[in-house]
Full PDB file with SEQRES, HELIX, SHEET, SSBOND, CRYST1, ORIGX, SCALE, CONECT and MASTER records, all heavy atoms in Angstrom:
SEQRES   1 A   38  ALA ALA ALA GLY VAL THR VAL ARG ASP PRO ILE ARG GLY          
SEQRES   2 A   38  ARG GLU PRO PHE LEU ALA LYS ILE ASP GLY MET THR TYR          
SEQRES   3 A   38  GLY GLU SER ALA ALA HIS GLY LEU ILE ARG GLY ARG              
HELIX    1 AA1 ALA A    2  GLY A    4  5                                   3    
HELIX    2 AA2 ARG A   14  LYS A   20  1                                   7    
CRYST1    1.000    1.000    1.000  90.00  90.00  90.00 P 1           1          
ORIGX1      1.000000  0.000000  0.000000        0.00000                         
ORIGX2      0.000000  1.000000  0.000000        0.00000                         
ORIGX3      0.000000  0.000000  1.000000        0.00000                         
SCALE1      1.000000  0.000000  0.000000        0.00000                         
SCALE2      0.000000  1.000000  0.000000        0.00000                         
SCALE3      0.000000  0.000000  1.000000        0.00000                         
ATOM      1  N   ALA A   1     105.866 118.828 110.573  1.00  0.00           N  
ATOM      2  CA  ALA A   1     107.110 119.503 110.858  1.00  0.00           C  
ATOM      3  C   ALA A   1     106.779 120.950 110.854  1.00  0.00           C  
ATOM      4  O   ALA A   1     107.368 121.719 111.756  1.00  0.00           O  
ATOM      5  CB  ALA A   1     108.186 119.169 109.943  1.00  0.00           C  
ATOM      6  N   ALA A   2     106.021 121.462 109.950  1.00  0.00           N  
ATOM      7  CA  ALA A   2     105.796 122.951 109.818  1.00  0.00           C  
ATOM      8  C   ALA A   2     104.864 123.416 110.935  1.00  0.00           C  
ATOM      9  O   ALA A   2     104.939 124.595 111.349  1.00  0.00           O  
ATOM     10  CB  ALA A   2     105.143 123.278 108.453  1.00  0.00           C  
ATOM     11  N   ALA A   3     103.985 122.451 111.413  1.00  0.00           N  
ATOM     12  CA  ALA A   3     103.055 122.943 112.457  1.00  0.00           C  
ATOM     13  C   ALA A   3     103.860 123.261 113.800  1.00  0.00           C  
ATOM     14  O   ALA A   3     103.209 123.947 114.647  1.00  0.00           O  
ATOM     15  CB  ALA A   3     102.100 121.742 112.758  1.00  0.00           C  
ATOM     16  N   GLY A   4     105.053 122.799 113.930  1.00  0.00           N  
ATOM     17  CA  GLY A   4     105.758 123.008 115.202  1.00  0.00           C  
ATOM     18  C   GLY A   4     106.501 124.312 115.235  1.00  0.00           C  
ATOM     19  O   GLY A   4     107.294 124.508 116.125  1.00  0.00           O  
ATOM     20  N   VAL A   5     106.506 125.118 114.133  1.00  0.00           N  
ATOM     21  CA  VAL A   5     107.266 126.437 114.081  1.00  0.00           C  
ATOM     22  C   VAL A   5     106.336 127.662 113.720  1.00  0.00           C  
ATOM     23  O   VAL A   5     105.255 127.368 113.148  1.00  0.00           O  
ATOM     24  CB  VAL A   5     108.433 126.266 113.026  1.00  0.00           C  
ATOM     25  CG1 VAL A   5     109.410 125.216 113.409  1.00  0.00           C  
ATOM     26  CG2 VAL A   5     107.858 125.996 111.692  1.00  0.00           C  
ATOM     27  N   THR A   6     106.820 128.753 114.079  1.00  0.00           N  
ATOM     28  CA  THR A   6     106.083 129.973 113.857  1.00  0.00           C  
ATOM     29  C   THR A   6     106.984 130.935 113.033  1.00  0.00           C  
ATOM     30  O   THR A   6     108.083 131.182 113.509  1.00  0.00           O  
ATOM     31  CB  THR A   6     105.595 130.573 115.132  1.00  0.00           C  
ATOM     32  OG1 THR A   6     104.722 129.699 115.827  1.00  0.00           O  
ATOM     33  CG2 THR A   6     104.790 131.788 114.805  1.00  0.00           C  
ATOM     34  N   VAL A   7     106.482 131.602 111.935  1.00  0.00           N  
ATOM     35  CA  VAL A   7     107.123 132.546 111.242  1.00  0.00           C  
ATOM     36  C   VAL A   7     106.322 133.765 111.200  1.00  0.00           C  
ATOM     37  O   VAL A   7     105.144 133.692 110.746  1.00  0.00           O  
ATOM     38  CB  VAL A   7     107.565 132.000 109.902  1.00  0.00           C  
ATOM     39  CG1 VAL A   7     108.273 133.188 109.069  1.00  0.00           C  
ATOM     40  CG2 VAL A   7     108.418 130.848 109.982  1.00  0.00           C  
ATOM     41  N   ARG A   8     106.816 134.957 111.610  1.00  0.00           N  
ATOM     42  CA  ARG A   8     106.070 136.260 111.513  1.00  0.00           C  
ATOM     43  C   ARG A   8     105.988 136.749 110.047  1.00  0.00           C  
ATOM     44  O   ARG A   8     107.100 136.817 109.504  1.00  0.00           O  
ATOM     45  CB  ARG A   8     106.635 137.167 112.445  1.00  0.00           C  
ATOM     46  CG  ARG A   8     105.949 138.612 112.351  1.00  0.00           C  
ATOM     47  CD  ARG A   8     106.569 139.644 113.299  1.00  0.00           C  
ATOM     48  NE  ARG A   8     106.347 139.207 114.681  1.00  0.00           N  
ATOM     49  CZ  ARG A   8     106.760 139.909 115.743  1.00  0.00           C  
ATOM     50  NH1 ARG A   8     107.456 141.029 115.522  1.00  0.00           N  
ATOM     51  NH2 ARG A   8     106.605 139.428 117.035  1.00  0.00           N  
ATOM     52  N   ASP A   9     104.865 136.869 109.580  1.00  0.00           N  
ATOM     53  CA  ASP A   9     104.714 137.471 108.147  1.00  0.00           C  
ATOM     54  C   ASP A   9     105.457 136.453 107.240  1.00  0.00           C  
ATOM     55  O   ASP A   9     106.244 136.929 106.432  1.00  0.00           O  
ATOM     56  CB  ASP A   9     105.186 138.912 108.010  1.00  0.00           C  
ATOM     57  CG  ASP A   9     104.385 139.869 108.987  1.00  0.00           C  
ATOM     58  OD1 ASP A   9     103.175 139.623 109.109  1.00  0.00           O  
ATOM     59  OD2 ASP A   9     105.016 140.812 109.383  1.00  0.00           O  
ATOM     60  N   PRO A  10     105.046 135.206 107.118  1.00  0.00           N  
ATOM     61  CA  PRO A  10     105.800 134.255 106.304  1.00  0.00           C  
ATOM     62  C   PRO A  10     105.693 134.602 104.787  1.00  0.00           C  
ATOM     63  O   PRO A  10     104.659 135.184 104.305  1.00  0.00           O  
ATOM     64  CB  PRO A  10     105.101 132.940 106.584  1.00  0.00           C  
ATOM     65  CG  PRO A  10     103.739 133.327 107.105  1.00  0.00           C  
ATOM     66  CD  PRO A  10     103.931 134.602 107.796  1.00  0.00           C  
ATOM     67  N   ILE A  11     106.749 134.494 104.019  1.00  0.00           N  
ATOM     68  CA  ILE A  11     106.890 134.859 102.703  1.00  0.00           C  
ATOM     69  C   ILE A  11     106.394 133.700 101.818  1.00  0.00           C  
ATOM     70  O   ILE A  11     106.619 132.580 101.977  1.00  0.00           O  
ATOM     71  CB  ILE A  11     108.358 135.114 102.229  1.00  0.00           C  
ATOM     72  CG1 ILE A  11     108.957 136.252 103.061  1.00  0.00           C  
ATOM     73  CG2 ILE A  11     108.432 135.404 100.837  1.00  0.00           C  
ATOM     74  CD1 ILE A  11     110.495 136.314 102.959  1.00  0.00           C  
ATOM     75  N   ARG A  12     105.412 134.027 100.902  1.00  0.00           N  
ATOM     76  CA  ARG A  12     105.024 133.147  99.805  1.00  0.00           C  
ATOM     77  C   ARG A  12     105.610 133.633  98.415  1.00  0.00           C  
ATOM     78  O   ARG A  12     105.996 132.690  97.656  1.00  0.00           O  
ATOM     79  CB  ARG A  12     103.470 133.068  99.723  1.00  0.00           C  
ATOM     80  CG  ARG A  12     102.783 132.450 100.955  1.00  0.00           C  
ATOM     81  CD  ARG A  12     103.085 130.979 101.136  1.00  0.00           C  
ATOM     82  NE  ARG A  12     102.946 130.050 100.076  1.00  0.00           N  
ATOM     83  CZ  ARG A  12     102.901 128.623 100.184  1.00  0.00           C  
ATOM     84  NH1 ARG A  12     102.883 128.129 101.438  1.00  0.00           N  
ATOM     85  NH2 ARG A  12     102.730 127.920  99.200  1.00  0.00           N  
ATOM     86  N   GLY A  13     105.517 134.908  98.220  1.00  0.00           N  
ATOM     87  CA  GLY A  13     106.264 135.474  96.943  1.00  0.00           C  
ATOM     88  C   GLY A  13     105.615 134.964  95.756  1.00  0.00           C  
ATOM     89  O   GLY A  13     106.334 134.749  94.777  1.00  0.00           O  
ATOM     90  N   ARG A  14     104.264 134.956  95.560  1.00  0.00           N  
ATOM     91  CA  ARG A  14     103.729 134.528  94.350  1.00  0.00           C  
ATOM     92  C   ARG A  14     103.900 135.550  93.221  1.00  0.00           C  
ATOM     93  O   ARG A  14     104.403 135.057  92.135  1.00  0.00           O  
ATOM     94  CB  ARG A  14     102.255 134.245  94.515  1.00  0.00           C  
ATOM     95  CG  ARG A  14     101.456 133.775  93.179  1.00  0.00           C  
ATOM     96  CD  ARG A  14     100.105 133.305  93.436  1.00  0.00           C  
ATOM     97  NE  ARG A  14      99.336 132.988  92.225  1.00  0.00           N  
ATOM     98  CZ  ARG A  14      99.580 131.865  91.542  1.00  0.00           C  
ATOM     99  NH1 ARG A  14     100.384 131.053  91.846  1.00  0.00           N  
ATOM    100  NH2 ARG A  14      98.851 131.752  90.443  1.00  0.00           N  
ATOM    101  N   GLU A  15     103.671 136.791  93.413  1.00  0.00           N  
ATOM    102  CA  GLU A  15     103.733 137.721  92.309  1.00  0.00           C  
ATOM    103  C   GLU A  15     105.244 137.833  91.815  1.00  0.00           C  
ATOM    104  O   GLU A  15     105.458 137.830  90.632  1.00  0.00           O  
ATOM    105  CB  GLU A  15     103.271 139.096  92.773  1.00  0.00           C  
ATOM    106  CG  GLU A  15     101.686 139.083  93.108  1.00  0.00           C  
ATOM    107  CD  GLU A  15     100.912 138.575  91.908  1.00  0.00           C  
ATOM    108  OE1 GLU A  15     101.242 138.920  90.732  1.00  0.00           O  
ATOM    109  OE2 GLU A  15      99.980 137.831  92.111  1.00  0.00           O  
ATOM    110  N   PRO A  16     106.195 137.982  92.759  1.00  0.00           N  
ATOM    111  CA  PRO A  16     107.565 138.105  92.259  1.00  0.00           C  
ATOM    112  C   PRO A  16     107.990 136.846  91.425  1.00  0.00           C  
ATOM    113  O   PRO A  16     108.719 136.897  90.425  1.00  0.00           O  
ATOM    114  CB  PRO A  16     108.472 138.206  93.490  1.00  0.00           C  
ATOM    115  CG  PRO A  16     107.489 138.807  94.584  1.00  0.00           C  
ATOM    116  CD  PRO A  16     106.140 138.229  94.149  1.00  0.00           C  
ATOM    117  N   PHE A  17     107.530 135.709  92.002  1.00  0.00           N  
ATOM    118  CA  PHE A  17     107.872 134.401  91.362  1.00  0.00           C  
ATOM    119  C   PHE A  17     107.341 134.326  89.883  1.00  0.00           C  
ATOM    120  O   PHE A  17     107.991 134.051  89.004  1.00  0.00           O  
ATOM    121  CB  PHE A  17     107.278 133.248  92.188  1.00  0.00           C  
ATOM    122  CG  PHE A  17     107.481 131.902  91.563  1.00  0.00           C  
ATOM    123  CD1 PHE A  17     108.736 131.339  91.575  1.00  0.00           C  
ATOM    124  CD2 PHE A  17     106.401 131.226  91.006  1.00  0.00           C  
ATOM    125  CE1 PHE A  17     108.832 130.057  91.034  1.00  0.00           C  
ATOM    126  CE2 PHE A  17     106.492 129.946  90.514  1.00  0.00           C  
ATOM    127  CZ  PHE A  17     107.781 129.340  90.440  1.00  0.00           C  
ATOM    128  N   LEU A  18     106.039 134.812  89.746  1.00  0.00           N  
ATOM    129  CA  LEU A  18     105.391 134.677  88.449  1.00  0.00           C  
ATOM    130  C   LEU A  18     106.092 135.629  87.520  1.00  0.00           C  
ATOM    131  O   LEU A  18     106.319 135.341  86.312  1.00  0.00           O  
ATOM    132  CB  LEU A  18     103.931 135.032  88.584  1.00  0.00           C  
ATOM    133  CG  LEU A  18     103.075 133.969  89.319  1.00  0.00           C  
ATOM    134  CD1 LEU A  18     101.667 134.464  89.335  1.00  0.00           C  
ATOM    135  CD2 LEU A  18     103.198 132.641  88.644  1.00  0.00           C  
ATOM    136  N   ALA A  19     106.527 136.787  87.966  1.00  0.00           N  
ATOM    137  CA  ALA A  19     107.307 137.758  87.126  1.00  0.00           C  
ATOM    138  C   ALA A  19     108.636 137.209  86.764  1.00  0.00           C  
ATOM    139  O   ALA A  19     108.975 137.436  85.579  1.00  0.00           O  
ATOM    140  CB  ALA A  19     107.516 139.105  87.926  1.00  0.00           C  
ATOM    141  N   LYS A  20     109.281 136.505  87.514  1.00  0.00           N  
ATOM    142  CA  LYS A  20     110.635 135.949  87.216  1.00  0.00           C  
ATOM    143  C   LYS A  20     110.571 134.842  86.250  1.00  0.00           C  
ATOM    144  O   LYS A  20     111.467 134.669  85.475  1.00  0.00           O  
ATOM    145  CB  LYS A  20     111.307 135.433  88.576  1.00  0.00           C  
ATOM    146  CG  LYS A  20     111.727 136.567  89.479  1.00  0.00           C  
ATOM    147  CD  LYS A  20     112.817 137.384  88.967  1.00  0.00           C  
ATOM    148  CE  LYS A  20     113.303 138.457  90.117  1.00  0.00           C  
ATOM    149  NZ  LYS A  20     114.339 139.324  89.554  1.00  0.00           N  
ATOM    150  N   ILE A  21     109.525 133.986  86.219  1.00  0.00           N  
ATOM    151  CA  ILE A  21     109.405 132.895  85.398  1.00  0.00           C  
ATOM    152  C   ILE A  21     108.655 133.133  84.137  1.00  0.00           C  
ATOM    153  O   ILE A  21     108.534 132.325  83.254  1.00  0.00           O  
ATOM    154  CB  ILE A  21     108.803 131.711  86.011  1.00  0.00           C  
ATOM    155  CG1 ILE A  21     107.308 131.874  86.357  1.00  0.00           C  
ATOM    156  CG2 ILE A  21     109.584 131.192  87.300  1.00  0.00           C  
ATOM    157  CD1 ILE A  21     106.542 130.639  86.833  1.00  0.00           C  
ATOM    158  N   ASP A  22     108.226 134.404  83.987  1.00  0.00           N  
ATOM    159  CA  ASP A  22     107.403 134.915  82.827  1.00  0.00           C  
ATOM    160  C   ASP A  22     108.387 134.621  81.570  1.00  0.00           C  
ATOM    161  O   ASP A  22     109.546 135.198  81.531  1.00  0.00           O  
ATOM    162  CB  ASP A  22     107.130 136.354  82.917  1.00  0.00           C  
ATOM    163  CG  ASP A  22     106.139 136.803  81.758  1.00  0.00           C  
ATOM    164  OD1 ASP A  22     105.530 135.863  81.053  1.00  0.00           O  
ATOM    165  OD2 ASP A  22     106.175 137.975  81.446  1.00  0.00           O  
ATOM    166  N   GLY A  23     107.852 133.926  80.541  1.00  0.00           N  
ATOM    167  CA  GLY A  23     108.687 133.662  79.399  1.00  0.00           C  
ATOM    168  C   GLY A  23     109.525 132.393  79.429  1.00  0.00           C  
ATOM    169  O   GLY A  23     110.132 131.999  78.497  1.00  0.00           O  
ATOM    170  N   MET A  24     109.590 131.691  80.558  1.00  0.00           N  
ATOM    171  CA  MET A  24     110.328 130.382  80.657  1.00  0.00           C  
ATOM    172  C   MET A  24     109.685 129.347  79.793  1.00  0.00           C  
ATOM    173  O   MET A  24     108.399 129.319  79.717  1.00  0.00           O  
ATOM    174  CB  MET A  24     110.337 129.965  82.135  1.00  0.00           C  
ATOM    175  CG  MET A  24     111.067 128.621  82.318  1.00  0.00           C  
ATOM    176  SD  MET A  24     110.993 128.085  84.049  1.00  0.00           S  
ATOM    177  CE  MET A  24     109.260 127.611  84.224  1.00  0.00           C  
ATOM    178  N   THR A  25     110.454 128.608  79.068  1.00  0.00           N  
ATOM    179  CA  THR A  25     109.845 127.486  78.219  1.00  0.00           C  
ATOM    180  C   THR A  25     109.156 126.506  79.190  1.00  0.00           C  
ATOM    181  O   THR A  25     109.551 126.056  80.148  1.00  0.00           O  
ATOM    182  CB  THR A  25     110.989 126.769  77.499  1.00  0.00           C  
ATOM    183  OG1 THR A  25     111.744 127.683  76.857  1.00  0.00           O  
ATOM    184  CG2 THR A  25     110.503 125.615  76.748  1.00  0.00           C  
ATOM    185  N   TYR A  26     107.850 126.168  78.615  1.00  0.00           N  
ATOM    186  CA  TYR A  26     107.043 125.245  79.363  1.00  0.00           C  
ATOM    187  C   TYR A  26     106.867 123.940  78.490  1.00  0.00           C  
ATOM    188  O   TYR A  26     106.641 124.150  77.336  1.00  0.00           O  
ATOM    189  CB  TYR A  26     105.775 125.819  79.629  1.00  0.00           C  
ATOM    190  CG  TYR A  26     104.773 124.902  80.407  1.00  0.00           C  
ATOM    191  CD1 TYR A  26     104.911 124.671  81.742  1.00  0.00           C  
ATOM    192  CD2 TYR A  26     103.759 124.166  79.637  1.00  0.00           C  
ATOM    193  CE1 TYR A  26     104.018 123.738  82.468  1.00  0.00           C  
ATOM    194  CE2 TYR A  26     102.958 123.290  80.378  1.00  0.00           C  
ATOM    195  CZ  TYR A  26     103.100 123.068  81.715  1.00  0.00           C  
ATOM    196  OH  TYR A  26     102.282 122.176  82.433  1.00  0.00           O  
ATOM    197  N   GLY A  27     107.131 122.809  79.083  1.00  0.00           N  
ATOM    198  CA  GLY A  27     106.956 121.633  78.308  1.00  0.00           C  
ATOM    199  C   GLY A  27     108.175 121.297  77.515  1.00  0.00           C  
ATOM    200  O   GLY A  27     109.297 121.608  77.867  1.00  0.00           O  
ATOM    201  N   GLU A  28     107.907 120.697  76.315  1.00  0.00           N  
ATOM    202  CA  GLU A  28     109.115 120.309  75.531  1.00  0.00           C  
ATOM    203  C   GLU A  28     109.790 121.484  74.947  1.00  0.00           C  
ATOM    204  O   GLU A  28     109.207 122.585  74.736  1.00  0.00           O  
ATOM    205  CB  GLU A  28     108.604 119.387  74.345  1.00  0.00           C  
ATOM    206  CG  GLU A  28     107.944 118.122  74.693  1.00  0.00           C  
ATOM    207  CD  GLU A  28     107.255 117.436  73.605  1.00  0.00           C  
ATOM    208  OE1 GLU A  28     106.276 117.992  73.078  1.00  0.00           O  
ATOM    209  OE2 GLU A  28     107.757 116.374  73.162  1.00  0.00           O  
ATOM    210  N   SER A  29     111.121 121.231  74.689  1.00  0.00           N  
ATOM    211  CA  SER A  29     111.940 122.332  74.087  1.00  0.00           C  
ATOM    212  C   SER A  29     112.253 122.127  72.665  1.00  0.00           C  
ATOM    213  O   SER A  29     112.669 120.880  72.364  1.00  0.00           O  
ATOM    214  CB  SER A  29     113.236 122.480  74.936  1.00  0.00           C  
ATOM    215  OG  SER A  29     114.169 123.235  74.279  1.00  0.00           O  
ATOM    216  N   ALA A  30     112.175 123.045  71.801  1.00  0.00           N  
ATOM    217  CA  ALA A  30     112.567 122.807  70.391  1.00  0.00           C  
ATOM    218  C   ALA A  30     114.009 122.454  70.213  1.00  0.00           C  
ATOM    219  O   ALA A  30     114.403 121.776  69.270  1.00  0.00           O  
ATOM    220  CB  ALA A  30     112.271 124.044  69.567  1.00  0.00           C  
ATOM    221  N   ALA A  31     114.806 122.881  71.261  1.00  0.00           N  
ATOM    222  CA  ALA A  31     116.212 122.469  71.161  1.00  0.00           C  
ATOM    223  C   ALA A  31     116.439 121.039  71.396  1.00  0.00           C  
ATOM    224  O   ALA A  31     117.538 120.538  70.976  1.00  0.00           O  
ATOM    225  CB  ALA A  31     117.032 123.325  72.176  1.00  0.00           C  
ATOM    226  N   HIS A  32     115.502 120.283  71.918  1.00  0.00           N  
ATOM    227  CA  HIS A  32     115.777 118.911  72.286  1.00  0.00           C  
ATOM    228  C   HIS A  32     114.771 118.088  71.392  1.00  0.00           C  
ATOM    229  O   HIS A  32     114.808 116.907  71.494  1.00  0.00           O  
ATOM    230  CB  HIS A  32     115.372 118.631  73.779  1.00  0.00           C  
ATOM    231  CG  HIS A  32     116.364 119.320  74.668  1.00  0.00           C  
ATOM    232  ND1 HIS A  32     116.092 119.547  75.967  1.00  0.00           N  
ATOM    233  CD2 HIS A  32     117.574 119.689  74.490  1.00  0.00           C  
ATOM    234  CE1 HIS A  32     117.083 120.133  76.588  1.00  0.00           C  
ATOM    235  NE2 HIS A  32     118.071 120.255  75.693  1.00  0.00           N  
ATOM    236  N   GLY A  33     113.876 118.782  70.613  1.00  0.00           N  
ATOM    237  CA  GLY A  33     112.995 118.033  69.784  1.00  0.00           C  
ATOM    238  C   GLY A  33     111.613 117.874  70.387  1.00  0.00           C  
ATOM    239  O   GLY A  33     111.474 118.010  71.614  1.00  0.00           O  
ATOM    240  N   LEU A  34     110.562 117.625  69.579  1.00  0.00           N  
ATOM    241  CA  LEU A  34     109.213 117.614  70.028  1.00  0.00           C  
ATOM    242  C   LEU A  34     108.516 116.312  69.673  1.00  0.00           C  
ATOM    243  O   LEU A  34     108.704 115.825  68.539  1.00  0.00           O  
ATOM    244  CB  LEU A  34     108.500 118.845  69.419  1.00  0.00           C  
ATOM    245  CG  LEU A  34     109.152 120.215  69.524  1.00  0.00           C  
ATOM    246  CD1 LEU A  34     108.459 121.265  68.755  1.00  0.00           C  
ATOM    247  CD2 LEU A  34     109.149 120.632  71.050  1.00  0.00           C  
ATOM    248  N   ILE A  35     107.674 115.850  70.593  1.00  0.00           N  
ATOM    249  CA  ILE A  35     106.837 114.643  70.288  1.00  0.00           C  
ATOM    250  C   ILE A  35     105.514 115.172  69.867  1.00  0.00           C  
ATOM    251  O   ILE A  35     104.807 115.834  70.779  1.00  0.00           O  
ATOM    252  CB  ILE A  35     106.866 113.610  71.468  1.00  0.00           C  
ATOM    253  CG1 ILE A  35     108.271 113.116  71.627  1.00  0.00           C  
ATOM    254  CG2 ILE A  35     105.894 112.577  71.205  1.00  0.00           C  
ATOM    255  CD1 ILE A  35     108.327 112.186  72.939  1.00  0.00           C  
ATOM    256  N   ARG A  36     104.939 114.733  68.795  1.00  0.00           N  
ATOM    257  CA  ARG A  36     103.628 115.053  68.375  1.00  0.00           C  
ATOM    258  C   ARG A  36     102.933 113.787  67.958  1.00  0.00           C  
ATOM    259  O   ARG A  36     103.034 113.355  66.794  1.00  0.00           O  
ATOM    260  CB  ARG A  36     103.652 116.120  67.269  1.00  0.00           C  
ATOM    261  CG  ARG A  36     104.235 117.447  67.585  1.00  0.00           C  
ATOM    262  CD  ARG A  36     103.265 118.180  68.627  1.00  0.00           C  
ATOM    263  NE  ARG A  36     103.767 119.462  69.003  1.00  0.00           N  
ATOM    264  CZ  ARG A  36     104.479 119.665  70.093  1.00  0.00           C  
ATOM    265  NH1 ARG A  36     104.900 118.628  70.864  1.00  0.00           N  
ATOM    266  NH2 ARG A  36     104.890 120.861  70.418  1.00  0.00           N  
ATOM    267  N   GLY A  37     102.228 113.149  68.915  1.00  0.00           N  
ATOM    268  CA  GLY A  37     101.615 111.899  68.510  1.00  0.00           C  
ATOM    269  C   GLY A  37     102.678 110.857  68.300  1.00  0.00           C  
ATOM    270  O   GLY A  37     103.480 110.548  69.190  1.00  0.00           O  
ATOM    271  N   ARG A  38     102.611 110.252  67.095  1.00  0.00           N  
ATOM    272  CA  ARG A  38     103.619 109.188  66.771  1.00  0.00           C  
ATOM    273  C   ARG A  38     104.827 109.859  65.994  1.00  0.00           C  
ATOM    274  O   ARG A  38     105.643 109.108  65.535  1.00  0.00           O  
ATOM    275  CB  ARG A  38     102.940 108.093  65.923  1.00  0.00           C  
ATOM    276  CG  ARG A  38     101.956 107.231  66.762  1.00  0.00           C  
ATOM    277  CD  ARG A  38     101.479 106.069  65.873  1.00  0.00           C  
ATOM    278  NE  ARG A  38     100.628 106.413  64.816  1.00  0.00           N  
ATOM    279  CZ  ARG A  38     100.876 106.308  63.528  1.00  0.00           C  
ATOM    280  NH1 ARG A  38     102.137 105.753  63.235  1.00  0.00           N  
ATOM    281  NH2 ARG A  38     100.161 106.618  62.443  1.00  0.00           N  
TER     282      ARG A  38                                                      
MASTER        0    0    0    2    0    0    0    6  281    1    0    3          
END                                                                             
C-alpha cells in the first residue's frame, strides 16, 4: 500500500519522539504491582 504513494521529505521524527517519551515507565508499573519470579 505504501509503495503506491509518494511523500516529499517524509517525516519519521525519531529525535522528537525519543525526547517526548523520555522518562515514560517501561515494563511493569509499581502502581499495579510487580512480578519477580514466583
